[in-house]
């Protein structure tokens, strides 16, 4: 039978310490990377939602501006623009 001497057992213990010494920082770096990627993805989604909300609000404002401009320029008599920002509907 093969038996390890006491010196070989100590060498194996040192090898385990060396492997764990290198493995722990690598694991921490990988965890930090995944955390950073997750945070970046969430930030990108929030930015995309903000752009979408801005586009929807701009669309509504432009629709109202277009309707008021069309009503006041055609001379149909439905809207009277007497002051900037004040529109009276007849």
C-alpha atoms as a PDB file:
ATOM      1  CA  UNK A   1       0.000   0.000   0.000  1.00  0.00           C
ATOM      2  CA  UNK A   2       1.037   3.518  -0.691  1.00  0.00           C
ATOM      3  CA  UNK A   3       1.283   5.730   2.368  1.00  0.00           C
ATOM      4  CA  UNK A   4       2.005   9.419   2.452  1.00  0.00           C
ATOM      5  CA  UNK A   5       4.648  10.519   4.819  1.00  0.00           C
ATOM      6  CA  UNK A   6       4.116  13.439   7.137  1.00  0.00           C
ATOM      7  CA  UNK A   7       6.176  15.740   4.876  1.00  0.00           C
ATOM      8  CA  UNK A   8       4.069  14.871   1.810  1.00  0.00           C
ATOM      9  CA  UNK A   9       0.913  15.694   3.779  1.00  0.00           C
ATOM     10  CA  UNK A  10       2.285  19.120   4.636  1.00  0.00           C
ATOM     11  CA  UNK A  11       3.160  19.768   1.008  1.00  0.00           C
ATOM     12  CA  UNK A  12      -0.355  18.903  -0.023  1.00  0.00           C
ATOM     13  CA  UNK A  13      -1.686  21.292   2.622  1.00  0.00           C
ATOM     14  CA  UNK A  14       0.518  24.064   1.284  1.00  0.00           C
ATOM     15  CA  UNK A  15      -0.652  23.347  -2.251  1.00  0.00           C
ATOM     16  CA  UNK A  16      -4.249  23.657  -1.088  1.00  0.00           C
ATOM     17  CA  UNK A  17      -3.461  26.991   0.561  1.00  0.00           C
ATOM     18  CA  UNK A  18      -1.823  28.269  -2.616  1.00  0.00           C
ATOM     19  CA  UNK A  19      -4.762  27.207  -4.786  1.00  0.00           C
ATOM     20  CA  UNK A  20      -7.274  28.809  -2.415  1.00  0.00           C
ATOM     21  CA  UNK A  21      -5.171  31.978  -2.243  1.00  0.00           C
ATOM     22  CA  UNK A  22      -5.461  32.389  -6.011  1.00  0.00           C
ATOM     23  CA  UNK A  23      -9.022  31.116  -6.299  1.00  0.00           C
ATOM     24  CA  UNK A  24     -10.572  33.508  -3.769  1.00  0.00           C
ATOM     25  CA  UNK A  25      -9.536  36.801  -5.467  1.00  0.00           C
ATOM     26  CA  UNK A  26     -10.552  35.457  -8.862  1.00  0.00           C
ATOM     27  CA  UNK A  27     -13.968  34.549  -7.473  1.00  0.00           C
ATOM     28  CA  UNK A  28     -14.370  38.016  -5.950  1.00  0.00           C
ATOM     29  CA  UNK A  29     -13.397  39.674  -9.250  1.00  0.00           C
ATOM     30  CA  UNK A  30     -15.900  37.556 -11.192  1.00  0.00           C
ATOM     31  CA  UNK A  31     -18.675  38.367  -8.699  1.00  0.00           C
ATOM     32  CA  UNK A  32     -17.874  42.085  -8.941  1.00  0.00           C
ATOM     33  CA  UNK A  33     -17.952  41.889 -12.742  1.00  0.00           C
ATOM     34  CA  UNK A  34     -21.385  40.258 -12.776  1.00  0.00           C
ATOM     35  CA  UNK A  35     -22.657  42.817 -10.286  1.00  0.00           C
ATOM     36  CA  UNK A  36     -21.385  45.638 -12.495  1.00  0.00           C
ATOM     37  CA  UNK A  37     -22.962  44.124 -15.600  1.00  0.00           C
ATOM     38  CA  UNK A  38     -26.307  43.752 -13.820  1.00  0.00           C
ATOM     39  CA  UNK A  39     -26.193  47.368 -12.655  1.00  0.00           C
ATOM     40  CA  UNK A  40     -25.326  48.570 -16.168  1.00  0.00           C
ATOM     41  CA  UNK A  41     -28.192  46.602 -17.680  1.00  0.00           C
ATOM     42  CA  UNK A  42     -30.660  48.099 -15.215  1.00  0.00           C
ATOM     43  CA  UNK A  43     -29.369  51.588 -15.966  1.00  0.00           C
ATOM     44  CA  UNK A  44     -29.718  51.023 -19.711  1.00  0.00           C
ATOM     45  CA  UNK A  45     -33.312  49.818 -19.286  1.00  0.00           C
ATOM     46  CA  UNK A  46     -34.163  52.883 -17.204  1.00  0.00           C
ATOM     47  CA  UNK A  47     -32.671  55.170 -19.844  1.00  0.00           C
ATOM     48  CA  UNK A  48     -34.660  53.425 -22.569  1.00  0.00           C
ATOM     49  CA  UNK A  49     -37.875  53.822 -20.568  1.00  0.00           C
ATOM     50  CA  UNK A  50     -37.116  57.507 -20.034  1.00  0.00           C
ATOM     51  CA  UNK A  51     -36.589  58.054 -23.762  1.00  0.00           C
ATOM     52  CA  UNK A  52     -39.834  56.264 -24.534  1.00  0.00           C
ATOM     53  CA  UNK A  53     -41.770  58.397 -22.040  1.00  0.00           C
ATOM     54  CA  UNK A  54     -40.209  61.550 -23.453  1.00  0.00           C
ATOM     55  CA  UNK A  55     -41.183  60.574 -27.005  1.00  0.00           C
ATOM     56  CA  UNK A  56     -44.762  59.863 -25.948  1.00  0.00           C
ATOM     57  CA  UNK A  57     -45.062  63.208 -24.184  1.00  0.00           C
ATOM     58  CA  UNK A  58     -43.568  65.039 -27.171  1.00  0.00           C
ATOM     59  CA  UNK A  59     -46.038  63.277 -29.466  1.00  0.00           C
ATOM     60  CA  UNK A  60     -48.997  64.435 -27.382  1.00  0.00           C
ATOM     61  CA  UNK A  61     -47.745  68.032 -27.263  1.00  0.00           C
ATOM     62  CA  UNK A  62     -47.063  68.092 -31.015  1.00  0.00           C
ATOM     63  CA  UNK A  63     -50.513  66.659 -31.734  1.00  0.00           C
ATOM     64  CA  UNK A  64     -52.172  69.442 -29.750  1.00  0.00           C
ATOM     65  CA  UNK A  65     -49.975  72.086 -31.405  1.00  0.00           C
ATOM     66  CA  UNK A  66     -50.858  70.731 -34.818  1.00  0.00           C
ATOM     67  CA  UNK A  67     -54.583  70.685 -34.064  1.00  0.00           C
ATOM     68  CA  UNK A  68     -54.528  74.261 -32.785  1.00  0.00           C
ATOM     69  CA  UNK A  69     -52.432  75.416 -35.739  1.00  0.00           C
ATOM     70  CA  UNK A  70     -54.773  73.727 -38.201  1.00  0.00           C
ATOM     71  CA  UNK A  71     -57.892  75.124 -36.522  1.00  0.00           C
ATOM     72  CA  UNK A  72     -56.575  78.682 -36.416  1.00  0.00           C
ATOM     73  CA  UNK A  73     -55.141  78.771 -39.923  1.00  0.00           C
ATOM     74  CA  UNK A  74     -58.012  77.287 -41.921  1.00  0.00           C
ATOM     75  CA  UNK A  75     -60.433  80.057 -41.022  1.00  0.00           C
ATOM     76  CA  UNK A  76     -63.172  77.647 -40.117  1.00  0.00           C
ATOM     77  CA  UNK A  77     -64.293  79.877 -37.287  1.00  0.00           C
ATOM     78  CA  UNK A  78     -64.095  77.192 -34.594  1.00  0.00           C
ATOM     79  CA  UNK A  79     -61.074  78.540 -32.712  1.00  0.00           C
ATOM     80  CA  UNK A  80     -59.991  82.096 -32.032  1.00  0.00           C
ATOM     81  CA  UNK A  81     -56.379  82.692 -30.945  1.00  0.00           C
ATOM     82  CA  UNK A  82     -56.588  86.127 -29.337  1.00  0.00           C
ATOM     83  CA  UNK A  83     -53.445  85.909 -27.190  1.00  0.00           C
ATOM     84  CA  UNK A  84     -50.365  83.686 -27.220  1.00  0.00           C
ATOM     85  CA  UNK A  85     -51.284  80.626 -25.236  1.00  0.00           C
ATOM     86  CA  UNK A  86     -54.987  81.459 -25.030  1.00  0.00           C
ATOM     87  CA  UNK A  87     -57.403  79.773 -27.404  1.00  0.00           C
ATOM     88  CA  UNK A  88     -61.156  80.198 -27.305  1.00  0.00           C
ATOM     89  CA  UNK A  89     -63.369  77.577 -28.805  1.00  0.00           C
ATOM     90  CA  UNK A  90     -66.661  78.755 -30.289  1.00  0.00           C
END
